[in-house]
């Protein structure tokens, strides 16, 4: 099951610079809390008003006359509304003149979307919630195997069930330290940290220079996903930590990869290396602060680099290196798909499939977002990944989510972001783990027979 790839072996996926994970509002791997956000443009049984009939046609033929009607994309990129999405609308409708393309942007995507789907009313194109097991996809979504792309794509079978694919990755990424080079220079940091002790020393220099070492975005919650998704992979060199939870009643312990990862951010907090008041952080402001060198680093995917540049940084002043989670000196990094596009089986299926194909092949979204393109034949353009690859990390490729582990988590109602927050702030973190293990064991008893 494990798929750990040494740098020299990543001949296709990482031949050129890696590109990016996540999105403006949240990473695809995070669990988030939210309230429902109703969509007045959707019909009672899902899809859009004025849609073409569902389950007809594929996205093979460009400009196909049969592709028509309204198609709505439910997106998490609130920052692209009335900007890049206006350009996408113009260009897509020029190719498909009978289509009315619309965008609806929401925050706290995972939870909000799941509620919408459960209600039976959701748009034609969505990003597949990480909270929905693959086995449930046929209830809501259309298989996408008949979309013919220009070449092979990455993570093609990641969102599959019984041999059918229900999701197409919008892009791919790695996770590491995004840093402001001017801040490092001001702090007198002359070498990139290659061990955890060196990382702590660099953070201390930043703090001494009046710079917040690491922007955690603690209050915003979703950026904490790296601490339970990615740092465990860096620590263990394996991608199966989350899936293996199904085999135990105590998946969260101080001495396993979760405990080690959570203990790192707790130490950074205790040493004053995070924001002065972690309970009043602001995601949008943090991008400006990193761009201006008020904050020194992020632990996030390379997708955030273009957003930091958009917030005012010069691209040459933004760097990227693997996070050294231990003192081995051996660089490791996760390799993840980002959100997956899915199609409402009761929506405007032909237009929805045409839109996904266009997003992958023609929109330019992967370059805008700083992604590793989904098309294997397309080279990423993010310059900072050349630096990242120069450290020759071993990449740990993500595995499909195990449905049993996900079902237990959903049954237990475990908020992983909230767990990280509680652990960091707790006087006795063992009590926090005992509580969540109790929730897990109770749910596991009901799920695993």
Protein backbone atom coordinates (compact mmCIF):
# COMPACT_ATOMS: atom_id res chain seq x y z
CA UNK A 1 0.00 0.00 0.00
CA UNK A 2 2.80 2.40 0.76
CA UNK A 3 4.16 4.29 -2.18
CA UNK A 4 7.29 6.14 -1.12
CA UNK A 5 9.21 7.62 -4.02
CA UNK A 6 12.83 8.67 -3.89
CA UNK A 7 13.60 11.84 -5.78
CA UNK A 8 15.46 9.98 -8.49
CA UNK A 9 12.48 7.69 -9.10
CA UNK A 10 9.90 10.40 -9.67
CA UNK A 11 10.72 10.47 -13.36
CA UNK A 12 7.32 11.53 -14.58
CA UNK A 13 5.49 13.14 -11.71
CA UNK A 14 8.40 15.23 -10.51
CA UNK A 15 10.63 15.54 -13.56
CA UNK A 16 10.14 19.28 -13.31
CA UNK A 17 9.22 21.44 -10.39
CA UNK A 18 6.38 20.28 -8.20
CA UNK A 19 3.30 22.43 -7.95
CA UNK A 20 0.56 22.79 -5.46
CA UNK A 21 -2.00 21.72 -2.89
CA UNK A 22 -5.02 23.25 -1.33
CA UNK A 23 -6.96 26.35 -2.18
CA UNK A 24 -7.59 29.84 -1.05
CA UNK A 25 -9.92 28.87 1.74
CA UNK A 26 -8.99 25.38 2.77
CA UNK A 27 -6.93 22.34 1.98
CA UNK A 28 -8.65 19.41 0.47
CA UNK A 29 -7.48 17.07 3.19
CA UNK A 30 -8.88 19.00 6.10
CA UNK A 31 -12.02 18.35 8.18
CA UNK A 32 -13.86 21.59 8.86
CA UNK A 33 -16.84 22.87 10.85
CA UNK A 34 -19.56 24.90 9.20
CA UNK A 35 -23.24 25.65 8.97
CA UNK A 36 -25.28 24.93 5.88
CA UNK A 37 -25.46 27.53 3.14
CA UNK A 38 -28.57 27.14 1.02
CA UNK A 39 -28.41 27.56 -2.74
CA UNK A 40 -31.41 29.31 -4.24
CA UNK A 41 -30.28 28.37 -7.75
CA UNK A 42 -30.64 24.62 -7.30
CA UNK A 43 -33.68 22.46 -7.75
CA UNK A 44 -35.14 20.33 -5.00
CA UNK A 45 -33.60 17.14 -6.32
CA UNK A 46 -30.20 18.61 -7.17
CA UNK A 47 -28.68 20.20 -10.25
CA UNK A 48 -29.60 23.56 -11.74
CA UNK A 49 -32.79 25.04 -13.04
CA UNK A 50 -32.83 24.92 -16.83
CA UNK A 51 -30.31 22.09 -16.96
CA UNK A 52 -29.98 19.78 -19.90
CA UNK A 53 -31.16 16.22 -19.20
CA UNK A 54 -28.87 14.26 -16.94
CA UNK A 55 -26.83 11.20 -17.91
CA UNK A 56 -26.48 12.14 -21.57
CA UNK A 57 -23.30 12.39 -23.56
CA UNK A 58 -19.66 12.80 -22.63
CA UNK A 59 -17.08 15.57 -22.80
CA UNK A 60 -15.18 14.25 -25.80
CA UNK A 61 -16.20 16.66 -28.51
CA UNK A 62 -15.11 20.30 -28.19
CA UNK A 63 -17.97 22.71 -28.83
CA UNK A 64 -20.52 19.86 -29.03
CA UNK A 65 -23.91 21.32 -29.98
CA UNK A 66 -25.62 18.98 -27.50
CA UNK A 67 -23.86 20.67 -24.59
CA UNK A 68 -26.25 23.37 -23.41
CA UNK A 69 -28.14 24.79 -20.47
CA UNK A 70 -27.07 26.25 -17.15
CA UNK A 71 -24.18 24.65 -15.27
CA UNK A 72 -23.16 25.76 -11.79
CA UNK A 73 -19.78 25.08 -10.16
CA UNK A 74 -19.71 25.12 -6.33
CA UNK A 75 -16.22 26.37 -5.51
CA UNK A 76 -14.16 27.13 -2.43
CA UNK A 77 -12.16 29.85 -4.21
CA UNK A 78 -14.01 32.88 -2.91
CA UNK A 79 -11.05 35.02 -3.97
CA UNK A 80 -11.61 34.22 -7.66
CA UNK A 81 -15.22 35.41 -7.84
CA UNK A 82 -15.66 38.37 -10.24
CA UNK A 83 -11.99 37.99 -11.18
CA UNK A 84 -10.53 34.86 -12.77
CA UNK A 85 -13.95 33.19 -12.84
CA UNK A 86 -15.31 35.97 -15.04
CA UNK A 87 -12.57 35.16 -17.54
CA UNK A 88 -13.35 31.44 -17.28
CA UNK A 89 -17.03 32.13 -17.89
CA UNK A 90 -16.29 34.18 -21.00
CA UNK A 91 -13.88 31.67 -22.48
CA UNK A 92 -15.94 28.57 -21.69
CA UNK A 93 -19.14 30.10 -23.07
CA UNK A 94 -17.26 31.13 -26.21
CA UNK A 95 -16.46 27.45 -26.75
CA UNK A 96 -19.94 26.31 -25.71
CA UNK A 97 -22.31 29.15 -26.73
CA UNK A 98 -25.43 27.34 -25.52
CA UNK A 99 -24.12 27.01 -21.96
CA UNK A 100 -24.71 29.46 -19.14
CA UNK A 101 -21.76 28.91 -16.75
CA UNK A 102 -22.17 30.17 -13.19
CA UNK A 103 -20.04 30.01 -10.05
CA UNK A 104 -21.14 29.79 -6.44
CA UNK A 105 -18.42 30.23 -3.81
CA UNK A 106 -18.73 29.05 -0.20
CA UNK A 107 -16.42 28.84 2.79
CA UNK A 108 -15.97 25.87 5.16
CA UNK A 109 -16.44 23.78 2.09
CA UNK A 110 -16.32 20.21 3.37
CA UNK A 111 -19.05 20.52 5.97
CA UNK A 112 -21.23 22.94 3.99
CA UNK A 113 -21.11 20.82 0.88
CA UNK A 114 -21.88 17.61 2.74
CA UNK A 115 -24.99 19.21 4.20
CA UNK A 116 -26.04 20.41 0.77
CA UNK A 117 -25.57 16.96 -0.74
CA UNK A 118 -27.50 15.30 2.08
CA UNK A 119 -30.36 17.70 1.44
CA UNK A 120 -30.56 16.50 -2.17
CA UNK A 121 -29.96 19.98 -3.53
CA UNK A 122 -26.50 20.79 -4.83
CA UNK A 123 -24.95 22.25 -8.02
CA UNK A 124 -23.82 20.42 -11.14
CA UNK A 125 -20.07 20.51 -10.48
CA UNK A 126 -18.64 20.25 -6.98
CA UNK A 127 -15.41 19.47 -5.21
CA UNK A 128 -15.84 16.04 -3.65
CA UNK A 129 -16.12 16.29 0.11
CA UNK A 130 -13.37 14.46 1.96
CA UNK A 131 -16.07 13.47 4.46
CA UNK A 132 -17.95 11.24 2.00
CA UNK A 133 -16.71 7.64 1.69
CA UNK A 134 -16.01 6.40 -1.84
CA UNK A 135 -18.70 3.75 -1.43
CA UNK A 136 -21.34 6.48 -1.25
CA UNK A 137 -20.32 8.23 -4.48
CA UNK A 138 -22.80 6.31 -6.69
CA UNK A 139 -25.69 7.72 -4.64
CA UNK A 140 -24.89 11.27 -5.66
CA UNK A 141 -22.35 11.46 -8.46
CA UNK A 142 -21.92 10.53 -12.10
CA UNK A 143 -19.02 8.28 -13.20
CA UNK A 144 -16.42 10.28 -15.13
CA UNK A 145 -14.59 7.50 -16.99
CA UNK A 146 -15.95 8.68 -20.35
CA UNK A 147 -14.20 12.06 -20.16
CA UNK A 148 -11.37 11.74 -22.68
CA UNK A 149 -8.37 13.87 -21.76
CA UNK A 150 -5.41 14.79 -23.95
CA UNK A 151 -3.24 12.34 -22.04
CA UNK A 152 -2.86 10.38 -18.81
CA UNK A 153 -3.84 12.05 -15.54
CA UNK A 154 -2.58 11.71 -11.98
CA UNK A 155 -4.61 10.07 -9.20
CA UNK A 156 -7.10 8.78 -11.75
CA UNK A 157 -8.47 6.03 -9.48
CA UNK A 158 -8.21 7.88 -6.17
CA UNK A 159 -11.94 8.59 -6.02
CA UNK A 160 -13.15 5.28 -7.48
CA UNK A 161 -15.66 2.68 -6.38
CA UNK A 162 -16.27 -0.72 -7.96
CA UNK A 163 -14.11 0.13 -10.95
CA UNK A 164 -15.72 3.48 -11.74
CA UNK A 165 -14.07 6.87 -11.25
CA UNK A 166 -16.11 9.64 -9.66
CA UNK A 167 -13.49 12.35 -9.25
CA UNK A 168 -10.83 14.17 -11.27
CA UNK A 169 -8.06 15.90 -9.33
CA UNK A 170 -8.04 19.67 -9.83
CA UNK A 171 -4.29 19.67 -9.23
CA UNK A 172 -1.59 18.19 -7.02
CA UNK A 173 0.89 19.42 -4.46
CA UNK A 174 3.52 18.93 -1.83
CA UNK A 175 3.77 20.54 1.60
CA UNK A 176 6.74 22.27 3.18
CA UNK A 177 8.00 25.60 4.47
CA UNK A 178 7.09 28.61 2.36
CA UNK A 179 9.32 31.44 3.55
CA UNK A 180 10.11 35.10 2.99
CA UNK A 181 13.74 35.36 1.94
CA UNK A 182 14.01 38.99 3.06
CA UNK A 183 12.81 38.02 6.53
CA UNK A 184 15.44 35.29 6.70
CA UNK A 185 18.08 37.78 5.58
CA UNK A 186 17.01 40.33 8.21
CA UNK A 187 17.19 37.62 10.90
CA UNK A 188 20.68 36.58 9.82
CA UNK A 189 19.66 33.12 8.64
CA UNK A 190 22.27 32.16 6.08
CA UNK A 191 21.48 28.48 5.55
CA UNK A 192 18.20 26.64 5.08
CA UNK A 193 17.42 24.38 8.08
CA UNK A 194 17.89 20.70 7.31
CA UNK A 195 17.17 19.34 10.81
CA UNK A 196 14.51 20.11 13.39
CA UNK A 197 17.06 21.65 15.76
CA UNK A 198 18.25 23.92 12.95
CA UNK A 199 14.64 24.86 12.25
CA UNK A 200 14.12 25.83 15.90
CA UNK A 201 17.31 27.89 15.81
CA UNK A 202 16.12 29.70 12.69
CA UNK A 203 12.75 30.37 14.30
CA UNK A 204 14.49 31.86 17.32
CA UNK A 205 16.49 34.19 15.07
CA UNK A 206 13.30 35.35 13.40
CA UNK A 207 11.67 35.98 16.76
CA UNK A 208 14.72 37.90 17.99
CA UNK A 209 14.51 40.07 14.86
CA UNK A 210 10.91 41.00 15.66
CA UNK A 211 9.44 38.68 13.02
CA UNK A 212 6.72 36.12 13.78
CA UNK A 213 8.51 32.88 12.86
CA UNK A 214 5.54 30.77 11.67
CA UNK A 215 2.04 31.77 10.62
CA UNK A 216 -0.16 28.98 11.98
CA UNK A 217 -3.57 30.52 11.22
CA UNK A 218 -4.64 28.74 14.38
CA UNK A 219 -8.05 30.42 14.73
CA UNK A 220 -8.94 29.73 11.08
CA UNK A 221 -8.51 26.01 11.81
CA UNK A 222 -8.27 24.53 8.32
CA UNK A 223 -4.55 25.42 7.85
CA UNK A 224 -3.85 23.14 10.81
CA UNK A 225 -4.59 20.20 8.52
CA UNK A 226 -0.91 19.87 7.71
CA UNK A 227 -0.30 18.73 11.29
CA UNK A 228 -2.49 15.64 10.97
CA UNK A 229 -2.26 14.99 7.24
CA UNK A 230 1.24 15.90 6.13
CA UNK A 231 3.64 16.08 9.05
CA UNK A 232 2.78 12.48 10.07
CA UNK A 233 3.81 11.39 6.55
CA UNK A 234 7.04 13.37 6.89
CA UNK A 235 7.77 11.83 10.29
CA UNK A 236 6.96 8.24 9.35
CA UNK A 237 7.79 8.20 5.66
CA UNK A 238 4.42 6.49 5.16
CA UNK A 239 1.04 7.67 3.91
CA UNK A 240 -1.11 5.15 5.77
CA UNK A 241 -1.36 6.78 9.20
CA UNK A 242 -4.98 7.88 8.81
CA UNK A 243 -6.11 4.62 7.23
CA UNK A 244 -4.46 2.50 9.92
CA UNK A 245 -6.65 4.09 12.58
CA UNK A 246 -9.36 1.57 11.73
CA UNK A 247 -7.27 -1.21 13.32
CA UNK A 248 -7.09 0.23 16.83
CA UNK A 249 -9.21 1.77 19.58
CA UNK A 250 -6.39 4.21 20.44
CA UNK A 251 -5.17 5.84 17.22
CA UNK A 252 -3.98 9.00 18.98
CA UNK A 253 -1.06 8.54 21.36
CA UNK A 254 1.77 10.77 22.46
CA UNK A 255 4.40 8.44 21.06
CA UNK A 256 2.88 7.71 17.63
CA UNK A 257 3.07 9.89 14.54
CA UNK A 258 0.02 11.95 15.52
CA UNK A 259 1.38 12.67 18.98
CA UNK A 260 4.82 13.52 17.62
CA UNK A 261 3.35 15.86 15.03
CA UNK A 262 1.01 17.60 17.47
CA UNK A 263 3.89 17.94 19.94
CA UNK A 264 5.92 19.86 17.36
CA UNK A 265 3.33 22.60 16.92
CA UNK A 266 2.77 22.62 20.69
CA UNK A 267 6.50 23.26 21.18
CA UNK A 268 6.45 26.04 18.58
CA UNK A 269 3.54 27.62 20.45
CA UNK A 270 5.26 27.26 23.83
CA UNK A 271 8.43 28.93 22.51
CA UNK A 272 6.47 31.89 21.14
CA UNK A 273 7.18 30.99 17.52
CA UNK A 274 3.54 31.34 16.39
CA UNK A 275 1.34 34.44 16.24
CA UNK A 276 1.21 36.51 19.42
CA UNK A 277 -2.49 35.70 19.87
CA UNK A 278 -3.28 32.45 18.12
CA UNK A 279 -6.97 32.87 18.89
CA UNK A 280 -7.28 35.98 16.71
CA UNK A 281 -5.45 34.94 13.54
CA UNK A 282 -6.73 35.93 10.11
CA UNK A 283 -5.99 33.95 6.97
CA UNK A 284 -6.24 36.76 4.43
CA UNK A 285 -4.13 39.10 6.56
CA UNK A 286 -1.51 36.41 7.08
CA UNK A 287 -0.75 36.32 3.35
CA UNK A 288 -0.02 40.05 3.44
CA UNK A 289 2.11 39.64 6.56
CA UNK A 290 4.18 36.86 4.99
CA UNK A 291 4.50 38.93 1.80
CA UNK A 292 5.75 41.92 3.82
CA UNK A 293 8.13 39.87 5.94
CA UNK A 294 6.24 40.47 9.19
CA UNK A 295 5.77 36.70 9.33
CA UNK A 296 8.67 34.51 8.27
CA UNK A 297 7.15 31.17 7.28
CA UNK A 298 4.11 29.05 6.49
CA UNK A 299 3.87 25.27 6.80
CA UNK A 300 1.56 24.78 3.82
CA UNK A 301 1.41 23.50 0.28
CA UNK A 302 3.09 25.20 -2.64
CA UNK A 303 -0.36 26.38 -3.72
CA UNK A 304 -0.04 29.27 -1.27
CA UNK A 305 3.05 30.70 -3.00
CA UNK A 306 1.14 32.47 -5.77
CA UNK A 307 -1.26 33.85 -3.17
CA UNK A 308 1.65 35.35 -1.21
CA UNK A 309 2.95 36.91 -4.41
CA UNK A 310 -0.53 38.26 -5.16
CA UNK A 311 -0.52 39.74 -1.65
CA UNK A 312 2.51 41.88 -2.55
CA UNK A 313 5.67 39.79 -2.36
CA UNK A 314 8.15 39.68 -5.21
CA UNK A 315 8.26 36.16 -6.55
CA UNK A 316 12.05 36.07 -6.15
CA UNK A 317 11.64 36.85 -2.44
CA UNK A 318 9.52 33.76 -1.75
CA UNK A 319 11.20 30.39 -1.22
CA UNK A 320 10.18 26.82 -0.44
CA UNK A 321 11.98 23.98 1.36
CA UNK A 322 11.04 20.62 2.94
CA UNK A 323 9.99 20.79 6.57
CA UNK A 324 12.60 19.02 8.76
CA UNK A 325 10.38 17.25 11.28
CA UNK A 326 13.30 15.36 12.85
CA UNK A 327 17.09 15.51 13.14
CA UNK A 328 17.87 12.84 10.56
CA UNK A 329 18.83 15.38 7.89
CA UNK A 330 16.86 13.33 5.35
CA UNK A 331 14.35 15.48 3.52
CA UNK A 332 10.86 14.02 3.10
CA UNK A 333 7.68 15.49 1.73
CA UNK A 334 4.10 14.37 1.04
CA UNK A 335 2.71 14.22 -2.47
CA UNK A 336 -1.01 14.90 -2.50
CA UNK A 337 -3.89 15.39 -4.88
CA UNK A 338 -5.93 18.50 -4.21
CA UNK A 339 -9.73 18.73 -4.37
CA UNK A 340 -11.42 16.43 -6.87
CA UNK A 341 -14.07 17.63 -9.29
CA UNK A 342 -17.31 15.65 -9.13
CA UNK A 343 -20.56 15.79 -11.13
CA UNK A 344 -24.08 15.71 -9.68
CA UNK A 345 -25.73 12.72 -11.35
CA UNK A 346 -29.07 14.58 -11.36
CA UNK A 347 -27.60 17.78 -12.78
CA UNK A 348 -26.53 18.97 -16.20
CA UNK A 349 -24.13 16.08 -16.72
CA UNK A 350 -22.93 16.78 -20.31
CA UNK A 351 -22.12 20.43 -19.59
CA UNK A 352 -20.57 19.53 -16.24
CA UNK A 353 -18.23 17.00 -17.83
CA UNK A 354 -17.31 19.47 -20.57
CA UNK A 355 -16.49 22.03 -17.88
CA UNK A 356 -14.21 19.63 -15.98
CA UNK A 357 -12.37 18.69 -19.17
CA UNK A 358 -11.96 22.37 -20.01
CA UNK A 359 -10.71 23.20 -16.50
CA UNK A 360 -8.03 20.52 -16.73
CA UNK A 361 -6.91 21.18 -20.30
CA UNK A 362 -7.62 24.81 -21.16
CA UNK A 363 -8.44 27.03 -18.21
CA UNK A 364 -4.90 27.58 -16.91
CA UNK A 365 -6.16 27.11 -13.36
CA UNK A 366 -3.29 24.79 -12.46
CA UNK A 367 -0.75 27.49 -13.31
CA UNK A 368 -2.77 30.17 -11.53
CA UNK A 369 -3.04 28.01 -8.41
CA UNK A 370 0.56 26.81 -8.53
CA UNK A 371 -0.39 23.17 -8.96
CA UNK A 372 1.35 20.12 -10.29
CA UNK A 373 -0.93 19.78 -13.34
CA UNK A 374 -3.32 16.85 -13.43
CA UNK A 375 -2.23 16.10 -16.99
CA UNK A 376 1.01 14.16 -16.76
CA UNK A 377 2.27 15.65 -20.01
CA UNK A 378 2.00 19.23 -18.73
CA UNK A 379 4.93 20.76 -16.88
CA UNK A 380 4.27 22.95 -13.81
CA UNK A 381 5.52 26.53 -13.94
CA UNK A 382 6.06 27.41 -10.28
CA UNK A 383 9.69 28.46 -9.94
CA UNK A 384 9.93 27.83 -6.20
CA UNK A 385 9.56 24.12 -6.77
CA UNK A 386 12.93 24.03 -8.45
CA UNK A 387 14.41 25.11 -5.11
CA UNK A 388 12.30 22.54 -3.25
CA UNK A 389 13.39 19.70 -5.52
CA UNK A 390 16.99 20.80 -5.12
CA UNK A 391 16.91 19.43 -1.57
CA UNK A 392 16.23 15.99 -3.07
CA UNK A 393 13.34 14.99 -0.81
CA UNK A 394 11.84 11.53 -0.71
CA UNK A 395 8.20 11.96 -1.68
CA UNK A 396 5.45 10.03 0.12
CA UNK A 397 2.51 9.60 -2.25
CA UNK A 398 -0.96 9.90 -0.74
CA UNK A 399 -3.21 6.84 -0.58
CA UNK A 400 -6.97 6.73 -1.17
CA UNK A 401 -8.96 7.24 2.01
CA UNK A 402 -10.03 4.00 3.67
CA UNK A 403 -13.83 4.04 3.91
CA UNK A 404 -13.88 2.23 7.26
CA UNK A 405 -11.51 4.73 8.88
CA UNK A 406 -13.51 7.62 7.45
CA UNK A 407 -16.81 6.11 8.59
CA UNK A 408 -15.46 5.72 12.13
CA UNK A 409 -14.27 9.32 12.14
CA UNK A 410 -17.62 10.57 10.91
CA UNK A 411 -19.49 8.45 13.43
CA UNK A 412 -17.26 9.69 16.23
CA UNK A 413 -17.71 13.28 15.02
CA UNK A 414 -14.02 14.00 15.46
CA UNK A 415 -12.99 17.46 14.35
CA UNK A 416 -9.32 16.96 13.53
CA UNK A 417 -8.57 20.69 13.32
CA UNK A 418 -10.21 21.15 16.71
CA UNK A 419 -8.16 18.26 18.08
CA UNK A 420 -4.93 20.01 17.09
CA UNK A 421 -6.14 23.21 18.73
CA UNK A 422 -7.07 21.45 21.97
CA UNK A 423 -3.77 19.57 22.10
CA UNK A 424 -1.71 22.72 21.62
CA UNK A 425 -3.53 24.71 24.29
CA UNK A 426 -3.97 21.90 26.81
CA UNK A 427 -2.06 21.77 30.08
CA UNK A 428 -2.38 17.99 29.93
CA UNK A 429 -2.49 16.88 26.27
CA UNK A 430 -2.86 13.23 27.31
CA UNK A 431 -6.37 14.03 28.55
CA UNK A 432 -7.21 15.45 25.13
CA UNK A 433 -6.04 12.26 23.45
CA UNK A 434 -7.88 10.09 25.99
CA UNK A 435 -11.12 11.92 25.21
CA UNK A 436 -10.84 11.57 21.45
CA UNK A 437 -9.72 7.94 21.72
CA UNK A 438 -12.85 7.28 23.74
CA UNK A 439 -14.98 8.76 20.98
CA UNK A 440 -13.08 6.73 18.40
CA UNK A 441 -13.37 3.41 20.28
CA UNK A 442 -17.11 3.83 20.77
CA UNK A 443 -17.67 4.61 17.09
CA UNK A 444 -15.34 1.81 15.96
CA UNK A 445 -17.32 -0.72 17.96
CA UNK A 446 -20.43 0.24 15.97
CA UNK A 447 -18.72 0.32 12.56
CA UNK A 448 -16.32 -2.64 12.73
CA UNK A 449 -18.28 -5.83 13.32
